[in-house]
Amino acid sequence: MEEDEEKSSSNYFSPTTKNKASMDGSRVDWTNLPHQLPPLIADRLQTHLEHLRYRSVCSSWRSSIPRFQSSNPPRFPFPLSQGPTAFLSQTTVYLLRPDPDPNANRSASSSSASSFKGWLLKLEESSGKIRLLNPITSSRIGYLNDGVVVNPMDLNLLDLNMVALTRSCVLRDTNGSGSIFGINKVIISPNFKDYCSIFMIYNKGKLGFAKIGDQKLTLINDQVSDYDDMIVYKGRPYVVDKWGQIFCIDSSSLELVPFSPPIGLGHRKNLIECGGELCVVDRYLDHQGSNSRVGGFGSVHYNFFQRYRHLRRRFYEADQLKVVDFRVYKLLEDGDEGLGRRWVEVKSLGEQALFLTVDCCFSVLAAELEGCKGNCIYFTNSNDIGLAFRELVRPDGSVFSMEDHSIEGLGSSPLYSKMFWPIPT
């Protein structure tokens, strides 16, 4: 009975079925693969979702590995904590794309496959649970427009391809599994296996490090607290400060090695990989309004913010400065081993679209995404993962046009709502 229940639910995540047509119109019998391949694929499964999809392919694959068992997530300290009282939760942004009609002929299927557009889907996997999130704001999606409850297990992928665009992490409190306030970014150190160490930006610019089981967070370069974003690029961790200088983090010595000259005069930097190249997106904020007065949330100490929790929303909303412009820069290497690195401003993104979310940044070819415009930046003003995941910020987003530097809200046009799954009814 238990196995039958898994078959029923896991079919929703199945990437294919036996003899299902491939993208070029040919048919694939997954049961006839060389016997060495399934174990190699199984060894690379990282998430509960991937585990379910693997077991859904056919009965032989299902019997080759056991049912997914949710293990105790790794625990880490977070700011002001005594002991490892937070656990790591992983989120993944997927591009869902429809399969071509398996009954169509090969030439028609091949020509139409490239015209199929998909949707963005963001899932958080935590302690065996799967949560459906807004891909930009990370707010939890609870209901469809017609009032029907959205359950990630109801996602039928028998007719969809699923491509992982990016993965990110968030720390959640072990007491109640709530997200932790004051943390701006978390990445897993790529130099360690099994998620045993992390880097984080917290308290609006401090850089910290922790290994699994540590009793307290290690502050890196305690003389500086002006870091904006982090990324794992070509297998190494990098951090950028508010002046646009990128440092490579040595995971062994925790030293910051200068990687590039400073760039940009804006107020907040994001690191993003686009077309295999490292870019900085520089965000300009309007500091002329009343939000810039002394005493705003930017000057409130982290301890105060944690202590007086009922004031979080008020301080956060008071501190939200209006975005007025973006600049994008690409890092070029003119010599061997990175000698002669220089920045070049990107005037146009072409058919690419950039997404700057609260916990990750990624790029998408606009032609592959329904309702998406190329040469645009989709972003959220939120800069605190805990506030976004607790839905203490307004669940909205905006789009910036690189062509005319205009900004509009995503909710202002029904076109943009077509980018996300679940699709509006």
Protein backbone atom coordinates (compact mmCIF):
# COMPACT_ATOMS: atom_id res chain seq x y z
CA MET A 1 0.00 0.00 0.00
CA GLU A 2 2.81 2.41 0.89
CA GLU A 3 4.57 1.71 -2.41
CA ASP A 4 1.33 2.25 -4.34
CA GLU A 5 0.92 5.65 -2.70
CA GLU A 6 4.40 6.66 -3.80
CA LYS A 7 3.73 5.53 -7.36
CA SER A 8 0.65 7.71 -7.45
CA SER A 9 2.33 10.81 -6.06
CA SER A 10 5.70 10.37 -7.76
CA ASN A 11 4.07 10.17 -11.17
CA TYR A 12 3.37 13.87 -10.81
CA PHE A 13 7.11 14.49 -10.91
CA SER A 14 7.94 11.96 -13.62
CA PRO A 15 10.11 13.49 -16.38
CA THR A 16 9.16 10.74 -18.78
CA THR A 17 7.58 7.33 -19.10
CA LYS A 18 8.65 4.18 -20.85
CA ASN A 19 8.90 4.69 -24.60
CA LYS A 20 7.91 8.37 -24.32
CA ALA A 21 8.92 10.51 -27.30
CA SER A 22 12.09 12.56 -26.92
CA MET A 23 12.52 16.15 -28.09
CA ASP A 24 13.54 15.07 -31.61
CA GLY A 25 10.51 12.82 -32.02
CA SER A 26 12.34 9.52 -31.44
CA ARG A 27 11.30 7.12 -28.71
CA VAL A 28 13.43 6.11 -25.74
CA ASP A 29 13.06 2.92 -23.75
CA TRP A 30 14.59 3.83 -20.40
CA THR A 31 14.52 0.21 -19.24
CA ASN A 32 17.12 -0.76 -21.85
CA LEU A 33 19.85 1.62 -20.77
CA PRO A 34 23.22 0.04 -19.92
CA HIS A 35 22.99 -1.30 -16.39
CA GLN A 36 25.91 0.90 -15.27
CA LEU A 37 24.04 4.15 -15.96
CA PRO A 38 21.12 4.15 -13.45
CA PRO A 39 23.43 3.81 -10.40
CA LEU A 40 25.60 6.65 -11.71
CA ILE A 41 22.52 8.83 -12.11
CA ALA A 42 21.23 7.87 -8.66
CA ASP A 43 24.53 8.90 -7.04
CA ARG A 44 24.01 12.43 -8.32
CA LEU A 45 20.51 12.96 -6.95
CA GLN A 46 20.56 15.93 -4.60
CA THR A 47 16.97 16.68 -3.66
CA HIS A 48 13.74 14.95 -2.68
CA LEU A 49 12.22 16.06 -5.97
CA GLU A 50 15.02 14.53 -8.04
CA HIS A 51 14.67 11.33 -6.03
CA LEU A 52 10.95 11.13 -6.82
CA ARG A 53 11.47 11.81 -10.50
CA TYR A 54 14.14 9.10 -10.74
CA ARG A 55 11.90 6.48 -9.14
CA SER A 56 9.03 7.46 -11.43
CA VAL A 57 10.77 6.49 -14.67
CA CYS A 58 10.00 2.76 -14.54
CA SER A 59 9.70 -0.16 -12.14
CA SER A 60 13.34 -1.24 -12.54
CA TRP A 61 14.58 2.24 -11.69
CA ARG A 62 12.17 2.43 -8.75
CA SER A 63 13.51 -0.81 -7.33
CA SER A 64 17.16 0.24 -7.80
CA ILE A 65 17.12 2.76 -4.94
CA PRO A 66 15.14 2.93 -1.68
CA ARG A 67 12.40 5.43 -0.92
CA PHE A 68 13.57 8.90 0.00
CA GLN A 69 14.30 9.22 3.69
CA SER A 70 14.40 12.71 5.13
CA SER A 71 17.58 12.98 7.20
CA ASN A 72 18.28 15.52 9.88
CA PRO A 73 19.41 18.69 8.07
CA PRO A 74 22.82 20.13 8.97
CA ARG A 75 22.72 22.65 11.80
CA PHE A 76 24.58 25.93 11.97
CA PRO A 77 24.77 28.96 14.24
CA PHE A 78 23.34 32.28 13.17
CA PRO A 79 23.94 35.83 14.47
CA LEU A 80 23.31 36.20 18.20
CA SER A 81 22.65 32.48 18.62
CA GLN A 82 24.24 30.26 21.20
CA GLY A 83 24.95 26.94 19.54
CA PRO A 84 23.85 25.42 16.21
CA THR A 85 20.19 26.46 16.34
CA ALA A 86 19.54 26.89 12.59
CA PHE A 87 19.26 24.37 9.78
CA LEU A 88 19.93 24.70 6.09
CA SER A 89 17.03 24.66 3.64
CA GLN A 90 17.51 24.56 -0.14
CA THR A 91 15.44 26.31 -2.82
CA THR A 92 15.57 25.61 -6.55
CA VAL A 93 14.29 27.65 -9.48
CA TYR A 94 13.13 25.50 -12.39
CA LEU A 95 12.16 26.21 -15.96
CA LEU A 96 9.14 24.10 -16.87
CA ARG A 97 8.73 23.42 -20.57
CA PRO A 98 6.05 21.39 -22.35
CA ASP A 99 7.11 18.32 -24.28
CA PRO A 100 6.29 18.23 -28.00
CA ASP A 101 3.34 16.12 -29.09
CA PRO A 102 4.57 12.50 -29.12
CA ASN A 103 2.06 11.69 -31.88
CA ALA A 104 3.47 14.34 -34.22
CA ASN A 105 5.98 13.37 -36.89
CA ARG A 106 9.67 13.91 -36.22
CA SER A 107 10.14 16.96 -38.44
CA ALA A 108 7.10 18.75 -37.05
CA SER A 109 8.10 17.90 -33.48
CA SER A 110 11.64 19.13 -34.03
CA SER A 111 10.54 22.43 -35.54
CA SER A 112 7.91 23.13 -32.91
CA ALA A 113 10.02 22.18 -29.89
CA SER A 114 12.06 25.37 -30.12
CA SER A 115 8.87 27.48 -30.14
CA PHE A 116 7.54 26.09 -26.85
CA LYS A 117 7.81 28.54 -24.00
CA GLY A 118 7.90 27.61 -20.35
CA TRP A 119 7.26 28.94 -16.88
CA LEU A 120 9.32 29.59 -13.76
CA LEU A 121 8.74 27.40 -10.73
CA LYS A 122 10.45 27.84 -7.35
CA LEU A 123 10.40 25.08 -4.74
CA GLU A 124 11.87 24.95 -1.26
CA GLU A 125 12.77 21.55 0.13
CA SER A 126 13.07 21.48 3.89
CA SER A 127 12.98 18.47 6.21
CA GLY A 128 11.16 16.38 3.63
CA LYS A 129 8.58 19.10 2.91
CA ILE A 130 8.21 20.89 -0.42
CA ARG A 131 6.99 24.48 -0.49
CA LEU A 132 5.91 26.39 -3.58
CA LEU A 133 7.31 29.95 -3.69
CA ASN A 134 7.06 33.01 -5.88
CA PRO A 135 10.21 32.89 -8.08
CA ILE A 136 11.00 36.59 -7.52
CA THR A 137 9.70 37.58 -4.08
CA SER A 138 9.99 34.10 -2.47
CA SER A 139 6.61 34.59 -0.79
CA ARG A 140 4.73 31.33 -0.34
CA ILE A 141 2.03 30.61 -2.92
CA GLY A 142 -1.02 29.24 -1.14
CA TYR A 143 -3.96 29.56 -3.49
CA LEU A 144 -4.86 29.82 -7.14
CA ASN A 145 -7.12 32.55 -8.44
CA ASP A 146 -10.18 30.32 -8.16
CA GLY A 147 -9.48 29.54 -4.51
CA VAL A 148 -8.17 26.01 -5.05
CA VAL A 149 -5.30 25.16 -2.71
CA VAL A 150 -1.98 24.78 -4.52
CA ASN A 151 -0.13 21.64 -3.55
CA PRO A 152 3.32 21.04 -5.11
CA MET A 153 2.47 17.33 -5.22
CA ASP A 154 -0.30 18.18 -7.72
CA LEU A 155 2.26 19.34 -10.29
CA ASN A 156 1.97 16.91 -13.19
CA LEU A 157 5.25 16.69 -15.08
CA LEU A 158 4.32 13.82 -17.37
CA ASP A 159 3.96 16.37 -20.15
CA LEU A 160 6.66 18.80 -18.99
CA ASN A 161 10.44 19.01 -18.99
CA MET A 162 12.07 20.37 -15.86
CA VAL A 163 15.38 22.26 -16.00
CA ALA A 164 17.07 23.54 -12.83
CA LEU A 165 18.22 27.14 -13.41
CA THR A 166 19.77 27.87 -10.03
CA ARG A 167 19.86 26.68 -6.43
CA SER A 168 20.09 28.76 -3.29
CA CYS A 169 19.97 28.33 0.48
CA VAL A 170 18.20 29.82 3.45
CA LEU A 171 18.66 29.32 7.17
CA ARG A 172 15.62 28.40 9.24
CA ASP A 173 15.27 28.42 13.01
CA THR A 174 15.06 24.95 14.54
CA ASN A 175 12.48 26.32 16.97
CA GLY A 176 9.41 26.40 14.77
CA SER A 177 11.27 26.19 11.43
CA GLY A 178 10.81 29.90 10.85
CA SER A 179 13.17 31.88 8.66
CA ILE A 180 15.81 34.02 10.36
CA PHE A 181 15.74 37.78 10.12
CA GLY A 182 18.73 39.96 9.31
CA ILE A 183 20.36 37.54 6.83
CA ASN A 184 20.85 38.83 3.29
CA LYS A 185 22.55 35.90 1.54
CA VAL A 186 23.71 32.34 2.27
CA ILE A 187 25.89 30.13 0.07
CA ILE A 188 27.41 26.70 0.63
CA SER A 189 31.19 26.61 0.48
CA PRO A 190 32.04 24.67 -2.71
CA ASN A 191 35.31 23.44 -1.21
CA PHE A 192 33.55 21.19 1.28
CA LYS A 193 31.27 18.24 0.69
CA ASP A 194 28.00 17.34 2.36
CA TYR A 195 27.00 20.94 3.12
CA CYS A 196 29.45 21.13 6.03
CA SER A 197 30.25 24.87 5.80
CA ILE A 198 28.50 28.04 4.72
CA PHE A 199 29.16 31.74 4.17
CA MET A 200 26.56 34.36 4.92
CA ILE A 201 26.03 38.11 4.62
CA TYR A 202 24.05 39.45 7.56
CA ASN A 203 23.23 42.62 9.46
CA LYS A 204 23.30 44.62 6.21
CA GLY A 205 26.85 43.87 5.15
CA LYS A 206 28.81 41.71 7.59
CA LEU A 207 30.43 38.54 6.25
CA GLY A 208 30.33 35.39 8.35
CA PHE A 209 31.43 31.77 8.14
CA ALA A 210 30.27 28.64 9.96
CA LYS A 211 30.90 24.92 9.84
CA ILE A 212 28.27 22.38 10.68
CA GLY A 213 27.87 22.10 14.45
CA ASP A 214 29.75 25.33 15.28
CA GLN A 215 28.65 27.07 18.45
CA LYS A 216 28.95 30.57 17.00
CA LEU A 217 29.46 32.39 13.74
CA THR A 218 32.97 33.41 12.66
CA LEU A 219 33.15 37.02 11.46
CA ILE A 220 35.38 37.48 8.40
CA ASN A 221 37.29 40.77 8.13
CA ASP A 222 35.59 42.40 11.11
CA GLN A 223 36.89 45.83 10.05
CA VAL A 224 34.56 45.88 7.05
CA SER A 225 30.77 45.46 7.00
CA ASP A 226 29.88 46.60 3.51
CA TYR A 227 29.37 43.39 1.54
CA ASP A 228 26.39 43.19 -0.79
CA ASP A 229 26.26 39.77 -2.46
CA MET A 230 27.95 36.39 -2.91
CA ILE A 231 28.11 33.79 -5.66
CA VAL A 232 29.76 30.46 -6.45
CA TYR A 233 31.41 31.00 -9.82
CA LYS A 234 33.43 28.27 -11.54
CA GLY A 235 33.53 26.30 -8.31
CA ARG A 236 34.84 29.11 -6.10
CA PRO A 237 33.07 31.50 -3.68
CA TYR A 238 33.15 35.24 -4.42
CA VAL A 239 31.82 38.27 -2.57
CA VAL A 240 31.30 41.85 -3.76
CA ASP A 241 31.33 44.97 -1.58
CA LYS A 242 29.32 48.16 -2.04
CA TRP A 243 32.16 49.72 -4.08
CA GLY A 244 31.93 46.93 -6.63
CA GLN A 245 35.19 45.19 -5.79
CA ILE A 246 35.04 41.40 -5.97
CA PHE A 247 37.02 39.16 -3.62
CA CYS A 248 37.62 35.44 -3.88
CA ILE A 249 37.10 33.78 -0.49
CA ASP A 250 39.79 31.31 0.53
CA SER A 251 37.75 28.63 2.30
CA SER A 252 40.79 27.34 4.20
CA SER A 253 42.30 30.56 5.55
CA LEU A 254 39.10 32.68 5.27
CA GLU A 255 41.16 35.37 3.60
CA LEU A 256 39.65 37.66 0.97
CA VAL A 257 41.80 37.75 -2.16
CA PRO A 258 41.13 40.76 -4.46
CA PHE A 259 39.78 39.48 -7.77
CA SER A 260 38.77 42.61 -9.67
CA PRO A 261 39.02 46.40 -9.51
CA PRO A 262 36.05 48.34 -8.10
CA ILE A 263 33.20 49.27 -10.42
CA GLY A 264 29.95 51.21 -10.22
CA LEU A 265 28.67 54.18 -8.26
CA GLY A 266 25.31 52.72 -7.28
CA HIS A 267 24.01 51.75 -3.85
CA ARG A 268 23.68 47.96 -4.00
CA LYS A 269 25.56 45.36 -6.05
CA ASN A 270 24.46 41.92 -7.20
CA LEU A 271 26.67 39.18 -8.66
CA ILE A 272 25.26 37.13 -11.50
CA GLU A 273 26.57 34.68 -14.08
CA CYS A 274 25.24 35.41 -17.56
CA GLY A 275 26.35 33.45 -20.60
CA GLY A 276 29.21 31.95 -18.59
CA GLU A 277 30.60 35.39 -17.69
CA LEU A 278 30.66 37.09 -14.29
CA CYS A 279 28.67 40.31 -14.12
CA VAL A 280 27.87 42.98 -11.55
CA VAL A 281 24.42 44.57 -11.55
CA ASP A 282 24.59 47.98 -9.89
CA ARG A 283 21.34 49.24 -8.35
CA TYR A 284 20.73 52.97 -7.89
CA LEU A 285 18.35 54.05 -5.12
CA ASP A 286 16.57 57.33 -4.50
CA HIS A 287 18.07 58.75 -1.31
CA GLN A 288 16.36 62.13 -1.63
CA GLY A 289 13.16 61.16 0.15
CA SER A 290 12.36 61.02 3.84
CA ASN A 291 13.62 57.45 4.02
CA SER A 292 17.20 58.71 4.06
CA ARG A 293 16.77 60.58 7.33
CA VAL A 294 18.89 59.54 10.30
CA GLY A 295 17.05 57.07 12.47
CA GLY A 296 15.68 54.92 9.68
CA PHE A 297 16.03 51.14 9.74
CA GLY A 298 19.47 51.39 8.18
CA SER A 299 20.79 52.89 11.42
CA VAL A 300 18.91 50.51 13.72
CA HIS A 301 21.22 47.94 15.26
CA TYR A 302 20.68 44.26 14.52
CA ASN A 303 20.12 43.53 18.22
CA PHE A 304 17.26 46.01 18.32
CA PHE A 305 15.69 44.51 15.22
CA GLN A 306 15.81 41.01 16.69
CA ARG A 307 14.56 42.07 20.09
CA TYR A 308 11.54 44.17 19.10
CA ARG A 309 10.00 41.81 16.60
CA HIS A 310 6.65 43.61 16.42
CA LEU A 311 8.41 46.60 14.81
CA ARG A 312 10.01 44.62 11.98
CA ARG A 313 7.45 45.37 9.30
CA ARG A 314 7.26 49.07 10.23
CA PHE A 315 11.01 49.57 10.10
CA TYR A 316 11.41 47.50 6.97
CA GLU A 317 8.75 49.35 4.99
CA ALA A 318 10.13 52.71 6.17
CA ASP A 319 13.54 51.76 4.83
CA GLN A 320 12.47 50.71 1.35
CA LEU A 321 14.17 53.15 -0.99
CA LYS A 322 12.86 53.50 -4.51
CA VAL A 323 14.96 51.94 -7.28
CA VAL A 324 15.60 54.51 -10.00
CA ASP A 325 18.18 52.89 -12.28
CA PHE A 326 20.45 49.91 -12.99
CA ARG A 327 23.86 49.51 -14.59
CA VAL A 328 25.34 46.18 -15.71
CA TYR A 329 29.06 45.46 -16.00
CA LYS A 330 30.84 42.44 -17.45
CA LEU A 331 34.26 41.29 -16.27
CA LEU A 332 36.77 40.60 -19.04
CA GLU A 333 40.13 38.90 -18.68
CA ASP A 334 42.78 40.15 -21.12
CA GLY A 335 45.65 37.95 -20.02
CA ASP A 336 46.53 34.50 -18.75
CA GLU A 337 45.42 33.46 -15.26
CA GLY A 338 43.23 36.52 -14.87
CA LEU A 339 45.93 39.12 -15.47
CA GLY A 340 44.55 42.40 -16.74
CA ARG A 341 40.95 42.02 -15.60
CA ARG A 342 38.78 44.96 -16.58
CA TRP A 343 35.13 45.96 -16.50
CA VAL A 344 33.01 46.75 -19.55
CA GLU A 345 29.55 48.26 -19.22
CA VAL A 346 26.81 46.23 -20.88
CA LYS A 347 24.45 48.54 -22.73
CA SER A 348 22.09 45.80 -23.89
CA LEU A 349 21.30 42.30 -22.64
CA GLY A 350 19.98 41.24 -26.03
CA GLU A 351 17.55 38.36 -25.65
CA GLN A 352 18.67 37.68 -22.07
CA ALA A 353 16.61 38.63 -19.01
CA LEU A 354 18.15 38.94 -15.53
CA PHE A 355 16.33 38.00 -12.33
CA LEU A 356 17.49 39.52 -9.03
CA THR A 357 15.61 37.78 -6.22
CA VAL A 358 15.99 37.91 -2.47
CA ASP A 359 18.10 34.74 -2.24
CA CYS A 360 19.60 34.19 -5.71
CA CYS A 361 20.28 35.77 -9.12
CA PHE A 362 20.01 34.06 -12.50
CA SER A 363 19.55 34.74 -16.21
CA VAL A 364 17.07 33.30 -18.71
CA LEU A 365 16.74 33.48 -22.47
CA ALA A 366 13.51 35.45 -22.87
CA ALA A 367 12.40 33.36 -25.84
CA GLU A 368 12.18 30.31 -23.53
CA LEU A 369 9.91 31.94 -20.94
CA GLU A 370 6.25 32.82 -21.39
CA GLY A 371 5.48 36.51 -20.85
CA CYS A 372 9.15 37.43 -20.50
CA LYS A 373 10.80 40.37 -22.25
CA GLY A 374 14.44 40.34 -23.25
CA ASN A 375 16.87 43.13 -22.34
CA CYS A 376 15.11 43.54 -18.97
CA ILE A 377 15.91 43.09 -15.28
CA TYR A 378 13.25 41.55 -13.04
CA PHE A 379 13.83 42.34 -9.39
CA THR A 380 12.48 42.69 -5.88
CA ASN A 381 13.33 45.44 -3.40
CA SER A 382 13.62 42.98 -0.55
CA ASN A 383 17.13 42.42 0.79
CA ASP A 384 16.32 40.27 3.81
CA ILE A 385 15.66 36.57 3.23
CA GLY A 386 13.88 36.11 6.56
CA LEU A 387 11.43 38.92 5.94
CA ALA A 388 10.64 37.65 2.44
CA PHE A 389 10.12 34.04 3.51
CA ARG A 390 7.97 35.14 6.45
CA GLU A 391 5.94 37.28 4.00
CA LEU A 392 6.56 40.42 6.06
CA VAL A 393 7.29 42.36 2.88
CA ARG A 394 4.87 43.30 0.16
CA PRO A 395 4.75 40.36 -2.28
CA ASP A 396 5.47 42.30 -5.43
CA GLY A 397 8.23 42.70 -7.97
CA SER A 398 9.26 45.10 -10.70
CA VAL A 399 10.80 45.03 -14.17
CA PHE A 400 13.47 47.42 -15.48
CA SER A 401 13.97 48.00 -19.20
CA MET A 402 17.58 48.38 -20.29
CA GLU A 403 16.38 50.08 -23.47
CA ASP A 404 14.62 53.14 -22.02
CA HIS A 405 15.45 52.73 -18.29
CA SER A 406 11.77 52.59 -17.37
CA ILE A 407 10.47 50.68 -14.34
CA GLU A 408 7.02 49.16 -13.90
CA GLY A 409 5.44 46.79 -11.41
CA LEU A 410 4.93 43.18 -12.36
CA GLY A 411 1.33 43.43 -11.23
CA SER A 412 0.61 46.25 -13.69
CA SER A 413 0.42 43.92 -16.68
CA PRO A 414 -1.19 40.47 -17.00
CA LEU A 415 1.63 39.55 -19.38
CA TYR A 416 4.15 39.13 -16.58
CA SER A 417 1.93 36.79 -14.56
CA LYS A 418 2.25 34.24 -17.36
CA MET A 419 5.92 33.69 -16.44
CA PHE A 420 5.17 31.81 -13.25
CA TRP A 421 3.63 28.48 -12.41
CA PRO A 422 0.85 28.00 -11.39
CA ILE A 423 -0.49 29.63 -14.56
CA PRO A 424 -3.32 32.12 -13.85
CA THR A 425 -6.75 30.69 -14.61
